[in-house]
Amino acid sequence: MSSYTPELVAELEILALFNLGNTMEGLKIHHTAAPAAIAAATRLHEKELITKPDGGYLTSLGHEAAEHAQSLLTILTVAEPA
């Protein structure tokens, strides 16, 4: 079983930034962003989850991945022990 590497966490953080309610709204990762964010966006583009190496829009697979990433983030941050 794989674990969450810093690289995967950085990719999840980028996916969490997308507005899933508006497919016409993309992201731009500026050259002044943290190197980890720039590298994560490049990897997401290589995996065909976003349309440009510096952000752009989610692909259909990227939209699905972002939905899962954002759902997981919501579950982990909202769910507190009883």
PDB file of N, CA and C in Angstrom:
ATOM      1  N   MET A   1       0.840  -1.178   0.000  1.00  0.00           N
ATOM      2  CA  MET A   1       0.000   0.000   0.000  1.00  0.00           C
ATOM      3  C   MET A   1       0.887   1.243   0.000  1.00  0.00           C
ATOM      4  N   SER A   2       0.513   2.209  -0.768  1.00  0.00           N
ATOM      5  CA  SER A   2       1.266   3.460  -0.856  1.00  0.00           C
ATOM      6  C   SER A   2       0.920   4.367   0.308  1.00  0.00           C
ATOM      7  N   SER A   3       1.826   5.292   0.567  1.00  0.00           N
ATOM      8  CA  SER A   3       1.550   6.294   1.596  1.00  0.00           C
ATOM      9  C   SER A   3       1.514   7.667   0.943  1.00  0.00           C
ATOM     10  N   TYR A   4       1.037   8.631   1.691  1.00  0.00           N
ATOM     11  CA  TYR A   4       0.975   9.998   1.194  1.00  0.00           C
ATOM     12  C   TYR A   4       2.360  10.616   1.291  1.00  0.00           C
ATOM     13  N   THR A   5       2.982  10.802   0.150  1.00  0.00           N
ATOM     14  CA  THR A   5       4.290  11.447   0.097  1.00  0.00           C
ATOM     15  C   THR A   5       4.086  12.959   0.090  1.00  0.00           C
ATOM     16  N   PRO A   6       5.111  13.731   0.387  1.00  0.00           N
ATOM     17  CA  PRO A   6       4.975  15.187   0.298  1.00  0.00           C
ATOM     18  C   PRO A   6       4.540  15.645  -1.099  1.00  0.00           C
ATOM     19  N   GLU A   7       4.969  14.929  -2.129  1.00  0.00           N
ATOM     20  CA  GLU A   7       4.593  15.277  -3.497  1.00  0.00           C
ATOM     21  C   GLU A   7       3.097  15.061  -3.736  1.00  0.00           C
ATOM     22  N   LEU A   8       2.580  13.935  -3.242  1.00  0.00           N
ATOM     23  CA  LEU A   8       1.140  13.670  -3.397  1.00  0.00           C
ATOM     24  C   LEU A   8       0.312  14.667  -2.591  1.00  0.00           C
ATOM     25  N   VAL A   9       0.772  15.005  -1.409  1.00  0.00           N
ATOM     26  CA  VAL A   9       0.056  15.985  -0.593  1.00  0.00           C
ATOM     27  C   VAL A   9       0.013  17.334  -1.318  1.00  0.00           C
ATOM     28  N   ALA A  10       1.123  17.719  -1.941  1.00  0.00           N
ATOM     29  CA  ALA A  10       1.151  18.982  -2.692  1.00  0.00           C
ATOM     30  C   ALA A  10       0.164  18.942  -3.854  1.00  0.00           C
ATOM     31  N   GLU A  11       0.044  17.802  -4.521  1.00  0.00           N
ATOM     32  CA  GLU A  11      -0.915  17.661  -5.617  1.00  0.00           C
ATOM     33  C   GLU A  11      -2.345  17.741  -5.090  1.00  0.00           C
ATOM     34  N   LEU A  12      -2.606  17.095  -3.964  1.00  0.00           N
ATOM     35  CA  LEU A  12      -3.938  17.168  -3.356  1.00  0.00           C
ATOM     36  C   LEU A  12      -4.283  18.605  -2.978  1.00  0.00           C
ATOM     37  N   GLU A  13      -3.294  19.346  -2.491  1.00  0.00           N
ATOM     38  CA  GLU A  13      -3.530  20.741  -2.123  1.00  0.00           C
ATOM     39  C   GLU A  13      -3.897  21.581  -3.340  1.00  0.00           C
ATOM     40  N   ILE A  14      -3.263  21.312  -4.478  1.00  0.00           N
ATOM     41  CA  ILE A  14      -3.619  22.035  -5.708  1.00  0.00           C
ATOM     42  C   ILE A  14      -5.043  21.662  -6.128  1.00  0.00           C
ATOM     43  N   LEU A  15      -5.366  20.379  -6.107  1.00  0.00           N
ATOM     44  CA  LEU A  15      -6.712  19.947  -6.487  1.00  0.00           C
ATOM     45  C   LEU A  15      -7.773  20.547  -5.572  1.00  0.00           C
ATOM     46  N   ALA A  16      -7.435  20.760  -4.312  1.00  0.00           N
ATOM     47  CA  ALA A  16      -8.388  21.329  -3.355  1.00  0.00           C
ATOM     48  C   ALA A  16      -8.681  22.800  -3.639  1.00  0.00           C
ATOM     49  N   LEU A  17      -7.844  23.454  -4.430  1.00  0.00           N
ATOM     50  CA  LEU A  17      -8.038  24.871  -4.735  1.00  0.00           C
ATOM     51  C   LEU A  17      -9.088  25.125  -5.820  1.00  0.00           C
ATOM     52  N   PHE A  18      -9.376  24.116  -6.613  1.00  0.00           N
ATOM     53  CA  PHE A  18     -10.312  24.305  -7.723  1.00  0.00           C
ATOM     54  C   PHE A  18     -11.740  24.460  -7.223  1.00  0.00           C
ATOM     55  N   ASN A  19     -12.481  25.360  -7.866  1.00  0.00           N
ATOM     56  CA  ASN A  19     -13.895  25.572  -7.583  1.00  0.00           C
ATOM     57  C   ASN A  19     -14.690  24.576  -8.421  1.00  0.00           C
ATOM     58  N   LEU A  20     -15.201  23.539  -7.785  1.00  0.00           N
ATOM     59  CA  LEU A  20     -15.928  22.500  -8.518  1.00  0.00           C
ATOM     60  C   LEU A  20     -17.300  22.959  -8.983  1.00  0.00           C
ATOM     61  N   GLY A  21     -17.782  24.057  -8.441  1.00  0.00           N
ATOM     62  CA  GLY A  21     -19.085  24.570  -8.831  1.00  0.00           C
ATOM     63  C   GLY A  21     -19.059  25.402 -10.098  1.00  0.00           C
ATOM     64  N   ASN A  22     -17.875  25.695 -10.612  1.00  0.00           N
ATOM     65  CA  ASN A  22     -17.750  26.520 -11.813  1.00  0.00           C
ATOM     66  C   ASN A  22     -16.622  25.973 -12.681  1.00  0.00           C
ATOM     67  N   THR A  23     -16.976  25.211 -13.701  1.00  0.00           N
ATOM     68  CA  THR A  23     -15.968  24.594 -14.560  1.00  0.00           C
ATOM     69  C   THR A  23     -15.231  25.612 -15.420  1.00  0.00           C
ATOM     70  N   MET A  24     -15.748  26.831 -15.493  1.00  0.00           N
ATOM     71  CA  MET A  24     -15.091  27.876 -16.285  1.00  0.00           C
ATOM     72  C   MET A  24     -14.057  28.648 -15.463  1.00  0.00           C
ATOM     73  N   GLU A  25     -13.906  28.279 -14.210  1.00  0.00           N
ATOM     74  CA  GLU A  25     -12.949  28.929 -13.329  1.00  0.00           C
ATOM     75  C   GLU A  25     -11.738  28.024 -13.173  1.00  0.00           C
ATOM     76  N   GLY A  26     -10.582  28.504 -13.606  1.00  0.00           N
ATOM     77  CA  GLY A  26      -9.364  27.725 -13.505  1.00  0.00           C
ATOM     78  C   GLY A  26      -8.428  28.303 -12.460  1.00  0.00           C
ATOM     79  N   LEU A  27      -7.202  27.816 -12.490  1.00  0.00           N
ATOM     80  CA  LEU A  27      -6.162  28.286 -11.581  1.00  0.00           C
ATOM     81  C   LEU A  27      -4.937  28.710 -12.374  1.00  0.00           C
ATOM     82  N   LYS A  28      -4.191  29.612 -11.802  1.00  0.00           N
ATOM     83  CA  LYS A  28      -2.907  30.014 -12.368  1.00  0.00           C
ATOM     84  C   LYS A  28      -1.888  29.918 -11.239  1.00  0.00           C
ATOM     85  N   ILE A  29      -0.918  29.036 -11.405  1.00  0.00           N
ATOM     86  CA  ILE A  29       0.166  28.909 -10.437  1.00  0.00           C
ATOM     87  C   ILE A  29       1.294  29.796 -10.949  1.00  0.00           C
ATOM     88  N   HIS A  30       1.517  30.901 -10.286  1.00  0.00           N
ATOM     89  CA  HIS A  30       2.513  31.875 -10.735  1.00  0.00           C
ATOM     90  C   HIS A  30       3.932  31.375 -10.475  1.00  0.00           C
ATOM     91  N   HIS A  31       4.867  31.913 -11.228  1.00  0.00           N
ATOM     92  CA  HIS A  31       6.265  31.506 -11.087  1.00  0.00           C
ATOM     93  C   HIS A  31       6.835  31.890  -9.723  1.00  0.00           C
ATOM     94  N   THR A  32       6.145  32.751  -8.987  1.00  0.00           N
ATOM     95  CA  THR A  32       6.588  33.147  -7.653  1.00  0.00           C
ATOM     96  C   THR A  32       5.988  32.256  -6.557  1.00  0.00           C
ATOM     97  N   ALA A  33       5.168  31.288  -6.946  1.00  0.00           N
ATOM     98  CA  ALA A  33       4.567  30.363  -5.974  1.00  0.00           C
ATOM     99  C   ALA A  33       5.657  29.474  -5.373  1.00  0.00           C
ATOM    100  N   ALA A  34       5.307  28.792  -4.318  1.00  0.00           N
ATOM    101  CA  ALA A  34       6.242  27.862  -3.685  1.00  0.00           C
ATOM    102  C   ALA A  34       6.688  26.818  -4.707  1.00  0.00           C
ATOM    103  N   PRO A  35       7.961  26.465  -4.706  1.00  0.00           N
ATOM    104  CA  PRO A  35       8.456  25.451  -5.651  1.00  0.00           C
ATOM    105  C   PRO A  35       7.664  24.146  -5.604  1.00  0.00           C
ATOM    106  N   ALA A  36       7.203  23.751  -4.426  1.00  0.00           N
ATOM    107  CA  ALA A  36       6.425  22.510  -4.310  1.00  0.00           C
ATOM    108  C   ALA A  36       5.098  22.625  -5.058  1.00  0.00           C
ATOM    109  N   ALA A  37       4.474  23.802  -5.028  1.00  0.00           N
ATOM    110  CA  ALA A  37       3.209  24.011  -5.735  1.00  0.00           C
ATOM    111  C   ALA A  37       3.428  24.012  -7.245  1.00  0.00           C
ATOM    112  N   ILE A  38       4.497  24.636  -7.683  1.00  0.00           N
ATOM    113  CA  ILE A  38       4.823  24.668  -9.119  1.00  0.00           C
ATOM    114  C   ILE A  38       5.068  23.249  -9.625  1.00  0.00           C
ATOM    115  N   ALA A  39       5.851  22.488  -8.871  1.00  0.00           N
ATOM    116  CA  ALA A  39       6.148  21.106  -9.264  1.00  0.00           C
ATOM    117  C   ALA A  39       4.887  20.249  -9.240  1.00  0.00           C
ATOM    118  N   ALA A  40       4.021  20.467  -8.248  1.00  0.00           N
ATOM    119  CA  ALA A  40       2.783  19.695  -8.154  1.00  0.00           C
ATOM    120  C   ALA A  40       1.886  19.960  -9.357  1.00  0.00           C
ATOM    121  N   ALA A  41       1.769  21.223  -9.756  1.00  0.00           N
ATOM    122  CA  ALA A  41       0.953  21.552 -10.929  1.00  0.00           C
ATOM    123  C   ALA A  41       1.521  20.897 -12.181  1.00  0.00           C
ATOM    124  N   THR A  42       2.821  20.896 -12.322  1.00  0.00           N
ATOM    125  CA  THR A  42       3.458  20.249 -13.470  1.00  0.00           C
ATOM    126  C   THR A  42       3.138  18.762 -13.489  1.00  0.00           C
ATOM    127  N   ARG A  43       3.229  18.116 -12.333  1.00  0.00           N
ATOM    128  CA  ARG A  43       2.915  16.677 -12.270  1.00  0.00           C
ATOM    129  C   ARG A  43       1.440  16.419 -12.586  1.00  0.00           C
ATOM    130  N   LEU A  44       0.548  17.264 -12.068  1.00  0.00           N
ATOM    131  CA  LEU A  44      -0.877  17.086 -12.374  1.00  0.00           C
ATOM    132  C   LEU A  44      -1.139  17.231 -13.869  1.00  0.00           C
ATOM    133  N   HIS A  45      -0.435  18.136 -14.512  1.00  0.00           N
ATOM    134  CA  HIS A  45      -0.565  18.283 -15.959  1.00  0.00           C
ATOM    135  C   HIS A  45      -0.048  17.034 -16.673  1.00  0.00           C
ATOM    136  N   GLU A  46       1.095  16.525 -16.233  1.00  0.00           N
ATOM    137  CA  GLU A  46       1.653  15.307 -16.840  1.00  0.00           C
ATOM    138  C   GLU A  46       0.717  14.118 -16.669  1.00  0.00           C
ATOM    139  N   LYS A  47      -0.033  14.094 -15.579  1.00  0.00           N
ATOM    140  CA  LYS A  47      -0.999  13.026 -15.316  1.00  0.00           C
ATOM    141  C   LYS A  47      -2.335  13.290 -16.012  1.00  0.00           C
ATOM    142  N   GLU A  48      -2.404  14.408 -16.766  1.00  0.00           N
ATOM    143  CA  GLU A  48      -3.586  14.809 -17.520  1.00  0.00           C
ATOM    144  C   GLU A  48      -4.790  15.097 -16.632  1.00  0.00           C
ATOM    145  N   LEU A  49      -4.522  15.686 -15.453  1.00  0.00           N
ATOM    146  CA  LEU A  49      -5.598  16.088 -14.556  1.00  0.00           C
ATOM    147  C   LEU A  49      -5.917  17.568 -14.698  1.00  0.00           C
ATOM    148  N   ILE A  50      -4.954  18.364 -15.176  1.00  0.00           N
ATOM    149  CA  ILE A  50      -5.182  19.784 -15.452  1.00  0.00           C
ATOM    150  C   ILE A  50      -4.658  20.089 -16.850  1.00  0.00           C
ATOM    151  N   THR A  51      -5.161  21.170 -17.434  1.00  0.00           N
ATOM    152  CA  THR A  51      -4.897  21.427 -18.853  1.00  0.00           C
ATOM    153  C   THR A  51      -3.568  22.100 -19.147  1.00  0.00           C
ATOM    154  N   LYS A  52      -2.949  22.737 -18.153  1.00  0.00           N
ATOM    155  CA  LYS A  52      -1.687  23.439 -18.394  1.00  0.00           C
ATOM    156  C   LYS A  52      -0.705  23.143 -17.267  1.00  0.00           C
ATOM    157  N   PRO A  53       0.587  23.195 -17.546  1.00  0.00           N
ATOM    158  CA  PRO A  53       1.582  22.909 -16.500  1.00  0.00           C
ATOM    159  C   PRO A  53       1.541  23.908 -15.339  1.00  0.00           C
ATOM    160  N   ASP A  54       0.960  25.074 -15.571  1.00  0.00           N
ATOM    161  CA  ASP A  54       0.879  26.079 -14.502  1.00  0.00           C
ATOM    162  C   ASP A  54      -0.558  26.278 -14.026  1.00  0.00           C
ATOM    163  N   GLY A  55      -1.383  25.262 -14.220  1.00  0.00           N
ATOM    164  CA  GLY A  55      -2.769  25.329 -13.749  1.00  0.00           C
ATOM    165  C   GLY A  55      -3.764  25.086 -14.850  1.00  0.00           C
ATOM    166  N   GLY A  56      -4.438  26.131 -15.257  1.00  0.00           N
ATOM    167  CA  GLY A  56      -5.461  25.976 -16.283  1.00  0.00           C
ATOM    168  C   GLY A  56      -6.752  25.457 -15.682  1.00  0.00           C
ATOM    169  N   TYR A  57      -7.361  24.525 -16.372  1.00  0.00           N
ATOM    170  CA  TYR A  57      -8.651  23.971 -15.973  1.00  0.00           C
ATOM    171  C   TYR A  57      -8.499  22.492 -15.665  1.00  0.00           C
ATOM    172  N   LEU A  58      -9.463  21.963 -14.939  1.00  0.00           N
ATOM    173  CA  LEU A  58      -9.488  20.532 -14.680  1.00  0.00           C
ATOM    174  C   LEU A  58      -9.939  19.785 -15.933  1.00  0.00           C
ATOM    175  N   THR A  59      -9.322  18.665 -16.214  1.00  0.00           N
ATOM    176  CA  THR A  59      -9.834  17.757 -17.233  1.00  0.00           C
ATOM    177  C   THR A  59     -10.988  16.984 -16.594  1.00  0.00           C
ATOM    178  N   SER A  60     -11.665  16.147 -17.343  1.00  0.00           N
ATOM    179  CA  SER A  60     -12.758  15.372 -16.742  1.00  0.00           C
ATOM    180  C   SER A  60     -12.216  14.453 -15.648  1.00  0.00           C
ATOM    181  N   LEU A  61     -11.074  13.830 -15.883  1.00  0.00           N
ATOM    182  CA  LEU A  61     -10.457  12.990 -14.849  1.00  0.00           C
ATOM    183  C   LEU A  61      -9.993  13.850 -13.675  1.00  0.00           C
ATOM    184  N   GLY A  62      -9.477  15.026 -13.972  1.00  0.00           N
ATOM    185  CA  GLY A  62      -9.055  15.946 -12.928  1.00  0.00           C
ATOM    186  C   GLY A  62     -10.210  16.405 -12.070  1.00  0.00           C
ATOM    187  N   HIS A  63     -11.359  16.633 -12.694  1.00  0.00           N
ATOM    188  CA  HIS A  63     -12.553  17.035 -11.948  1.00  0.00           C
ATOM    189  C   HIS A  63     -12.946  15.939 -10.967  1.00  0.00           C
ATOM    190  N   GLU A  64     -12.905  14.702 -11.427  1.00  0.00           N
ATOM    191  CA  GLU A  64     -13.230  13.574 -10.557  1.00  0.00           C
ATOM    192  C   GLU A  64     -12.227  13.480  -9.408  1.00  0.00           C
ATOM    193  N   ALA A  65     -10.945  13.645  -9.716  1.00  0.00           N
ATOM    194  CA  ALA A  65      -9.908  13.594  -8.683  1.00  0.00           C
ATOM    195  C   ALA A  65     -10.085  14.724  -7.675  1.00  0.00           C
ATOM    196  N   ALA A  66     -10.397  15.916  -8.169  1.00  0.00           N
ATOM    197  CA  ALA A  66     -10.599  17.060  -7.279  1.00  0.00           C
ATOM    198  C   ALA A  66     -11.814  16.844  -6.376  1.00  0.00           C
ATOM    199  N   GLU A  67     -12.873  16.243  -6.920  1.00  0.00           N
ATOM    200  CA  GLU A  67     -14.052  15.936  -6.098  1.00  0.00           C
ATOM    201  C   GLU A  67     -13.670  15.027  -4.941  1.00  0.00           C
ATOM    202  N   HIS A  68     -12.906  13.986  -5.239  1.00  0.00           N
ATOM    203  CA  HIS A  68     -12.485  13.048  -4.196  1.00  0.00           C
ATOM    204  C   HIS A  68     -11.562  13.722  -3.188  1.00  0.00           C
ATOM    205  N   ALA A  69     -10.619  14.493  -3.685  1.00  0.00           N
ATOM    206  CA  ALA A  69      -9.675  15.180  -2.805  1.00  0.00           C
ATOM    207  C   ALA A  69     -10.402  16.145  -1.870  1.00  0.00           C
ATOM    208  N   GLN A  70     -11.334  16.907  -2.430  1.00  0.00           N
ATOM    209  CA  GLN A  70     -12.060  17.875  -1.615  1.00  0.00           C
ATOM    210  C   GLN A  70     -13.007  17.189  -0.633  1.00  0.00           C
ATOM    211  N   SER A  71     -13.606  16.087  -1.048  1.00  0.00           N
ATOM    212  CA  SER A  71     -14.474  15.330  -0.139  1.00  0.00           C
ATOM    213  C   SER A  71     -13.672  14.763   1.024  1.00  0.00           C
ATOM    214  N   LEU A  72     -12.536  14.199   0.737  1.00  0.00           N
ATOM    215  CA  LEU A  72     -11.684  13.642   1.782  1.00  0.00           C
ATOM    216  C   LEU A  72     -11.243  14.737   2.753  1.00  0.00           C
ATOM    217  N   LEU A  73     -10.858  15.865   2.230  1.00  0.00           N
ATOM    218  CA  LEU A  73     -10.448  16.984   3.073  1.00  0.00           C
ATOM    219  C   LEU A  73     -11.597  17.417   3.986  1.00  0.00           C
ATOM    220  N   THR A  74     -12.797  17.492   3.436  1.00  0.00           N
ATOM    221  CA  THR A  74     -13.961  17.858   4.235  1.00  0.00           C
ATOM    222  C   THR A  74     -14.215  16.829   5.335  1.00  0.00           C
ATOM    223  N   ILE A  75     -14.164  15.556   4.985  1.00  0.00           N
ATOM    224  CA  ILE A  75     -14.400  14.505   5.966  1.00  0.00           C
ATOM    225  C   ILE A  75     -13.364  14.560   7.085  1.00  0.00           C
ATOM    226  N   LEU A  76     -12.116  14.724   6.724  1.00  0.00           N
ATOM    227  CA  LEU A  76     -11.054  14.701   7.733  1.00  0.00           C
ATOM    228  C   LEU A  76     -11.004  15.951   8.595  1.00  0.00           C
ATOM    229  N   THR A  77     -11.472  17.064   8.066  1.00  0.00           N
ATOM    230  CA  THR A  77     -11.418  18.288   8.860  1.00  0.00           C
ATOM    231  C   THR A  77     -12.702  18.546   9.646  1.00  0.00           C
ATOM    232  N   VAL A  78     -13.825  17.975   9.203  1.00  0.00           N
ATOM    233  CA  VAL A  78     -15.091  18.196   9.885  1.00  0.00           C
ATOM    234  C   VAL A  78     -15.351  17.113  10.927  1.00  0.00           C
ATOM    235  N   ALA A  79     -15.009  15.891  10.590  1.00  0.00           N
ATOM    236  CA  ALA A  79     -15.277  14.781  11.501  1.00  0.00           C
ATOM    237  C   ALA A  79     -14.374  14.856  12.726  1.00  0.00           C
ATOM    238  N   GLU A  80     -14.997  15.000  13.877  1.00  0.00           N
ATOM    239  CA  GLU A  80     -14.246  15.039  15.117  1.00  0.00           C
ATOM    240  C   GLU A  80     -14.697  13.859  15.981  1.00  0.00           C
ATOM    241  N   PRO A  81     -13.793  13.359  16.803  1.00  0.00           N
ATOM    242  CA  PRO A  81     -14.171  12.233  17.663  1.00  0.00           C
ATOM    243  C   PRO A  81     -15.342  12.600  18.579  1.00  0.00           C
ATOM    244  N   ALA A  82     -16.222  11.636  18.784  1.00  0.00           N
ATOM    245  CA  ALA A  82     -17.395  11.866  19.645  1.00  0.00           C
ATOM    246  C   ALA A  82     -17.031  11.789  21.118  1.00  0.00           C
TER     247      ALA A  82
END
